[in-house]
Amino acid sequence: MKTLIGVVMGSSSDWDTMQQAVQILHHFGIGHEARVVSAHRMPDDMFAYAEAAAGRGLKAIIAGAGGAAHLPGMLAAKTTVPVLGVPVQSKALSGVDSLHSIVQMPKGIPVATFAIGPAGAANAALFAVAMLANDDPALRAKLAAFRAEQTEAARAMTLPPAL
């Protein structure tokens, strides 16, 4: 299976959040890789990853980062591959610092930004699937079925009686 999506994070502690993206990609049978590529601890590796992404056939990079959250923007500055930023919840500011850092990219450094935490990671992966589905009718049908299943699950939910 060809690797189409890169899932990267600033440290292994981000895995609890970013594994949500990997699970979605696995569900859809999308070739992916997951690795730590820290903007602060290993900038040369991070630059090399970004610069080689298009040549390796990556169609998108899902980048999770907490705290200072430089990873998504730094990757976007070094590649033309779309970067999907996931703010990882931090202890100090509950991920709001990460969200602000990722969403406030300067003009010319586009990063799609998703919700803080696991929901953001899952939605970034679904966004990547939707991007790939533009050129793949079978994947588009699988995504439509997935969304229909979500709708049916929501309809099946029951609420406790009102007091």
C-alpha atoms as a PDB file:
ATOM      1  CA  MET A   1       0.000   0.000   0.000  1.00  0.00           C
ATOM      2  CA  LYS A   2       1.444   3.341  -1.050  1.00  0.00           C
ATOM      3  CA  THR A   3       1.953   5.890   1.733  1.00  0.00           C
ATOM      4  CA  LEU A   4      -0.274   8.876   0.938  1.00  0.00           C
ATOM      5  CA  ILE A   5      -0.640  10.642   4.294  1.00  0.00           C
ATOM      6  CA  GLY A   6       2.014  11.554   6.819  1.00  0.00           C
ATOM      7  CA  VAL A   7       0.969  11.807  10.454  1.00  0.00           C
ATOM      8  CA  VAL A   8       3.607  13.616  12.452  1.00  0.00           C
ATOM      9  CA  MET A   9       3.807  14.940  15.973  1.00  0.00           C
ATOM     10  CA  GLY A  10       6.196  16.948  18.083  1.00  0.00           C
ATOM     11  CA  SER A  11       6.747  14.223  20.691  1.00  0.00           C
ATOM     12  CA  SER A  12       5.590  10.729  21.574  1.00  0.00           C
ATOM     13  CA  SER A  13       3.321  12.223  24.251  1.00  0.00           C
ATOM     14  CA  ASP A  14       1.148  13.528  21.371  1.00  0.00           C
ATOM     15  CA  TRP A  15       0.365   9.955  20.277  1.00  0.00           C
ATOM     16  CA  ASP A  16      -2.766   9.674  22.462  1.00  0.00           C
ATOM     17  CA  THR A  17      -4.295  12.411  20.314  1.00  0.00           C
ATOM     18  CA  MET A  18      -2.752  11.609  16.943  1.00  0.00           C
ATOM     19  CA  GLN A  19      -3.621   7.926  17.011  1.00  0.00           C
ATOM     20  CA  GLN A  20      -7.200   9.039  16.320  1.00  0.00           C
ATOM     21  CA  ALA A  21      -6.057  10.183  12.866  1.00  0.00           C
ATOM     22  CA  VAL A  22      -4.234   6.916  12.260  1.00  0.00           C
ATOM     23  CA  GLN A  23      -7.331   4.907  13.201  1.00  0.00           C
ATOM     24  CA  ILE A  24      -9.446   6.815  10.667  1.00  0.00           C
ATOM     25  CA  LEU A  25      -6.858   6.366   7.917  1.00  0.00           C
ATOM     26  CA  HIS A  26      -6.618   2.660   8.731  1.00  0.00           C
ATOM     27  CA  HIS A  27     -10.428   2.353   8.609  1.00  0.00           C
ATOM     28  CA  PHE A  28     -10.437   3.743   5.068  1.00  0.00           C
ATOM     29  CA  GLY A  29      -7.431   1.705   3.953  1.00  0.00           C
ATOM     30  CA  ILE A  30      -5.313   4.800   3.314  1.00  0.00           C
ATOM     31  CA  GLY A  31      -1.563   4.211   3.300  1.00  0.00           C
ATOM     32  CA  HIS A  32       0.040   6.341   5.981  1.00  0.00           C
ATOM     33  CA  GLU A  33       3.043   6.721   8.219  1.00  0.00           C
ATOM     34  CA  ALA A  34       3.264   8.040  11.761  1.00  0.00           C
ATOM     35  CA  ARG A  35       6.373   9.479  13.336  1.00  0.00           C
ATOM     36  CA  VAL A  36       7.809  12.038  15.701  1.00  0.00           C
ATOM     37  CA  VAL A  37       9.372  14.962  13.852  1.00  0.00           C
ATOM     38  CA  SER A  38       9.953  17.683  16.421  1.00  0.00           C
ATOM     39  CA  ALA A  39      10.363  21.262  15.227  1.00  0.00           C
ATOM     40  CA  HIS A  40      12.344  22.038  18.389  1.00  0.00           C
ATOM     41  CA  ARG A  41      14.337  18.884  19.113  1.00  0.00           C
ATOM     42  CA  MET A  42      15.119  17.771  15.560  1.00  0.00           C
ATOM     43  CA  PRO A  43      14.653  20.703  13.168  1.00  0.00           C
ATOM     44  CA  ASP A  44      16.951  19.285  10.490  1.00  0.00           C
ATOM     45  CA  ASP A  45      14.924  16.049  10.391  1.00  0.00           C
ATOM     46  CA  MET A  46      11.699  18.063  10.286  1.00  0.00           C
ATOM     47  CA  PHE A  47      12.945  20.167   7.359  1.00  0.00           C
ATOM     48  CA  ALA A  48      14.117  17.046   5.505  1.00  0.00           C
ATOM     49  CA  TYR A  49      10.722  15.401   6.064  1.00  0.00           C
ATOM     50  CA  ALA A  50       8.868  18.437   4.691  1.00  0.00           C
ATOM     51  CA  GLU A  51      11.188  18.936   1.731  1.00  0.00           C
ATOM     52  CA  ALA A  52      10.911  15.263   0.682  1.00  0.00           C
ATOM     53  CA  ALA A  53       7.133  14.923   1.223  1.00  0.00           C
ATOM     54  CA  ALA A  54       5.947  15.731  -2.313  1.00  0.00           C
ATOM     55  CA  GLY A  55       8.668  13.645  -3.934  1.00  0.00           C
ATOM     56  CA  ARG A  56       7.694  10.669  -1.776  1.00  0.00           C
ATOM     57  CA  GLY A  57       4.092  10.980  -2.976  1.00  0.00           C
ATOM     58  CA  LEU A  58       2.484  12.322   0.189  1.00  0.00           C
ATOM     59  CA  LYS A  59      -0.838  13.995  -0.552  1.00  0.00           C
ATOM     60  CA  ALA A  60      -1.218  15.612   2.892  1.00  0.00           C
ATOM     61  CA  ILE A  61       0.568  15.872   6.232  1.00  0.00           C
ATOM     62  CA  ILE A  62      -1.447  15.784   9.444  1.00  0.00           C
ATOM     63  CA  ALA A  63       0.716  17.571  12.010  1.00  0.00           C
ATOM     64  CA  GLY A  64      -0.117  17.507  15.692  1.00  0.00           C
ATOM     65  CA  ALA A  65       1.619  19.836  18.081  1.00  0.00           C
ATOM     66  CA  GLY A  66       1.142  21.024  21.640  1.00  0.00           C
ATOM     67  CA  GLY A  67       2.612  23.894  23.616  1.00  0.00           C
ATOM     68  CA  ALA A  68       4.378  26.256  21.249  1.00  0.00           C
ATOM     69  CA  ALA A  69       2.934  24.290  18.277  1.00  0.00           C
ATOM     70  CA  HIS A  70       5.499  25.282  15.679  1.00  0.00           C
ATOM     71  CA  LEU A  71       5.452  21.982  13.783  1.00  0.00           C
ATOM     72  CA  PRO A  72       2.511  22.532  11.395  1.00  0.00           C
ATOM     73  CA  GLY A  73       3.638  25.995  10.320  1.00  0.00           C
ATOM     74  CA  MET A  74       7.284  25.012   9.950  1.00  0.00           C
ATOM     75  CA  LEU A  75       6.290  22.046   7.771  1.00  0.00           C
ATOM     76  CA  ALA A  76       3.990  24.228   5.671  1.00  0.00           C
ATOM     77  CA  ALA A  77       6.853  26.696   5.131  1.00  0.00           C
ATOM     78  CA  LYS A  78       9.002  23.930   3.624  1.00  0.00           C
ATOM     79  CA  THR A  79       6.546  21.958   1.454  1.00  0.00           C
ATOM     80  CA  THR A  80       3.744  22.440  -1.048  1.00  0.00           C
ATOM     81  CA  VAL A  81       1.930  19.390   0.347  1.00  0.00           C
ATOM     82  CA  PRO A  82      -1.187  20.466   2.275  1.00  0.00           C
ATOM     83  CA  VAL A  83      -0.600  20.551   6.034  1.00  0.00           C
ATOM     84  CA  LEU A  84      -3.496  19.856   8.375  1.00  0.00           C
ATOM     85  CA  GLY A  85      -2.753  21.170  11.865  1.00  0.00           C
ATOM     86  CA  VAL A  86      -4.049  19.501  15.011  1.00  0.00           C
ATOM     87  CA  PRO A  87      -3.596  21.376  18.297  1.00  0.00           C
ATOM     88  CA  VAL A  88      -2.732  18.878  21.015  1.00  0.00           C
ATOM     89  CA  GLN A  89      -4.156  19.672  24.413  1.00  0.00           C
ATOM     90  CA  SER A  90      -1.507  20.925  26.802  1.00  0.00           C
ATOM     91  CA  LYS A  91      -1.615  20.927  30.589  1.00  0.00           C
ATOM     92  CA  ALA A  92      -0.873  24.605  30.983  1.00  0.00           C
ATOM     93  CA  LEU A  93      -3.476  26.182  28.696  1.00  0.00           C
ATOM     94  CA  SER A  94      -5.674  23.228  27.637  1.00  0.00           C
ATOM     95  CA  GLY A  95      -4.479  23.448  24.035  1.00  0.00           C
ATOM     96  CA  VAL A  96      -5.663  27.002  23.421  1.00  0.00           C
ATOM     97  CA  ASP A  97      -2.031  28.089  23.064  1.00  0.00           C
ATOM     98  CA  SER A  98      -1.523  25.383  20.438  1.00  0.00           C
ATOM     99  CA  LEU A  99      -4.684  26.386  18.589  1.00  0.00           C
ATOM    100  CA  HIS A 100      -3.662  30.038  18.460  1.00  0.00           C
ATOM    101  CA  SER A 101      -0.158  29.187  17.305  1.00  0.00           C
ATOM    102  CA  ILE A 102      -1.363  26.956  14.476  1.00  0.00           C
ATOM    103  CA  VAL A 103      -4.219  29.134  13.265  1.00  0.00           C
ATOM    104  CA  GLN A 104      -2.168  32.367  13.205  1.00  0.00           C
ATOM    105  CA  MET A 105       0.135  31.519  10.302  1.00  0.00           C
ATOM    106  CA  PRO A 106       1.490  34.442   8.310  1.00  0.00           C
ATOM    107  CA  LYS A 107       0.149  35.117   4.831  1.00  0.00           C
ATOM    108  CA  GLY A 108       1.574  32.585   2.410  1.00  0.00           C
ATOM    109  CA  ILE A 109       1.982  29.755   4.948  1.00  0.00           C
ATOM    110  CA  PRO A 110      -1.397  27.980   4.794  1.00  0.00           C
ATOM    111  CA  VAL A 111      -2.244  25.421   7.457  1.00  0.00           C
ATOM    112  CA  ALA A 112      -5.744  23.990   7.765  1.00  0.00           C
ATOM    113  CA  THR A 113      -6.483  24.000  11.494  1.00  0.00           C
ATOM    114  CA  PHE A 114      -8.748  21.595  13.328  1.00  0.00           C
ATOM    115  CA  ALA A 115     -10.206  21.318  16.819  1.00  0.00           C
ATOM    116  CA  ILE A 116      -8.058  20.792  19.886  1.00  0.00           C
ATOM    117  CA  GLY A 117      -7.432  17.159  20.756  1.00  0.00           C
ATOM    118  CA  PRO A 118      -8.707  13.791  19.542  1.00  0.00           C
ATOM    119  CA  ALA A 119     -11.734  15.179  17.662  1.00  0.00           C
ATOM    120  CA  GLY A 120      -9.406  17.449  15.709  1.00  0.00           C
ATOM    121  CA  ALA A 121      -7.097  14.551  14.832  1.00  0.00           C
ATOM    122  CA  ALA A 122     -10.024  12.429  13.642  1.00  0.00           C
ATOM    123  CA  ASN A 123     -11.457  15.323  11.616  1.00  0.00           C
ATOM    124  CA  ALA A 124      -8.072  16.090  10.051  1.00  0.00           C
ATOM    125  CA  ALA A 125      -7.889  12.474   8.888  1.00  0.00           C
ATOM    126  CA  LEU A 126     -11.455  12.643   7.535  1.00  0.00           C
ATOM    127  CA  PHE A 127     -10.512  15.856   5.717  1.00  0.00           C
ATOM    128  CA  ALA A 128      -7.510  14.070   4.184  1.00  0.00           C
ATOM    129  CA  VAL A 129      -9.783  11.190   3.137  1.00  0.00           C
ATOM    130  CA  ALA A 130     -12.179  13.688   1.532  1.00  0.00           C
ATOM    131  CA  MET A 131      -9.270  15.280  -0.365  1.00  0.00           C
ATOM    132  CA  LEU A 132      -8.201  11.880  -1.698  1.00  0.00           C
ATOM    133  CA  ALA A 133     -11.820  10.977  -2.514  1.00  0.00           C
ATOM    134  CA  ASN A 134     -11.958  13.791  -5.087  1.00  0.00           C
ATOM    135  CA  ASP A 135     -10.016  11.526  -7.454  1.00  0.00           C
ATOM    136  CA  ASP A 136     -11.311   8.151  -6.225  1.00  0.00           C
ATOM    137  CA  PRO A 137     -15.017   7.315  -6.650  1.00  0.00           C
ATOM    138  CA  ALA A 138     -14.735   4.135  -4.550  1.00  0.00           C
ATOM    139  CA  LEU A 139     -13.202   6.078  -1.665  1.00  0.00           C
ATOM    140  CA  ARG A 140     -15.891   8.742  -2.053  1.00  0.00           C
ATOM    141  CA  ALA A 141     -18.572   6.040  -1.721  1.00  0.00           C
ATOM    142  CA  LYS A 142     -16.854   4.613   1.363  1.00  0.00           C
ATOM    143  CA  LEU A 143     -16.716   8.089   2.930  1.00  0.00           C
ATOM    144  CA  ALA A 144     -20.404   8.657   2.161  1.00  0.00           C
ATOM    145  CA  ALA A 145     -21.239   5.317   3.811  1.00  0.00           C
ATOM    146  CA  PHE A 146     -19.170   6.257   6.859  1.00  0.00           C
ATOM    147  CA  ARG A 147     -21.040   9.539   7.220  1.00  0.00           C
ATOM    148  CA  ALA A 148     -24.391   7.786   6.775  1.00  0.00           C
ATOM    149  CA  GLU A 149     -23.420   5.378   9.578  1.00  0.00           C
ATOM    150  CA  GLN A 150     -22.627   8.350  11.809  1.00  0.00           C
ATOM    151  CA  THR A 151     -26.019   9.882  11.024  1.00  0.00           C
ATOM    152  CA  GLU A 152     -27.838   6.651  11.798  1.00  0.00           C
ATOM    153  CA  ALA A 153     -25.918   6.245  15.070  1.00  0.00           C
ATOM    154  CA  ALA A 154     -26.947   9.766  16.081  1.00  0.00           C
ATOM    155  CA  ARG A 155     -30.587   9.035  15.226  1.00  0.00           C
ATOM    156  CA  ALA A 156     -30.468   5.868  17.314  1.00  0.00           C
ATOM    157  CA  MET A 157     -29.304   7.712  20.425  1.00  0.00           C
ATOM    158  CA  THR A 158     -31.909   8.044  23.125  1.00  0.00           C
ATOM    159  CA  LEU A 159     -31.986  10.637  25.821  1.00  0.00           C
ATOM    160  CA  PRO A 160     -33.092  10.061  29.383  1.00  0.00           C
ATOM    161  CA  PRO A 161     -36.615  11.257  30.163  1.00  0.00           C
ATOM    162  CA  ALA A 162     -36.920  14.900  31.121  1.00  0.00           C
ATOM    163  CA  LEU A 163     -37.391  15.642  34.801  1.00  0.00           C
END
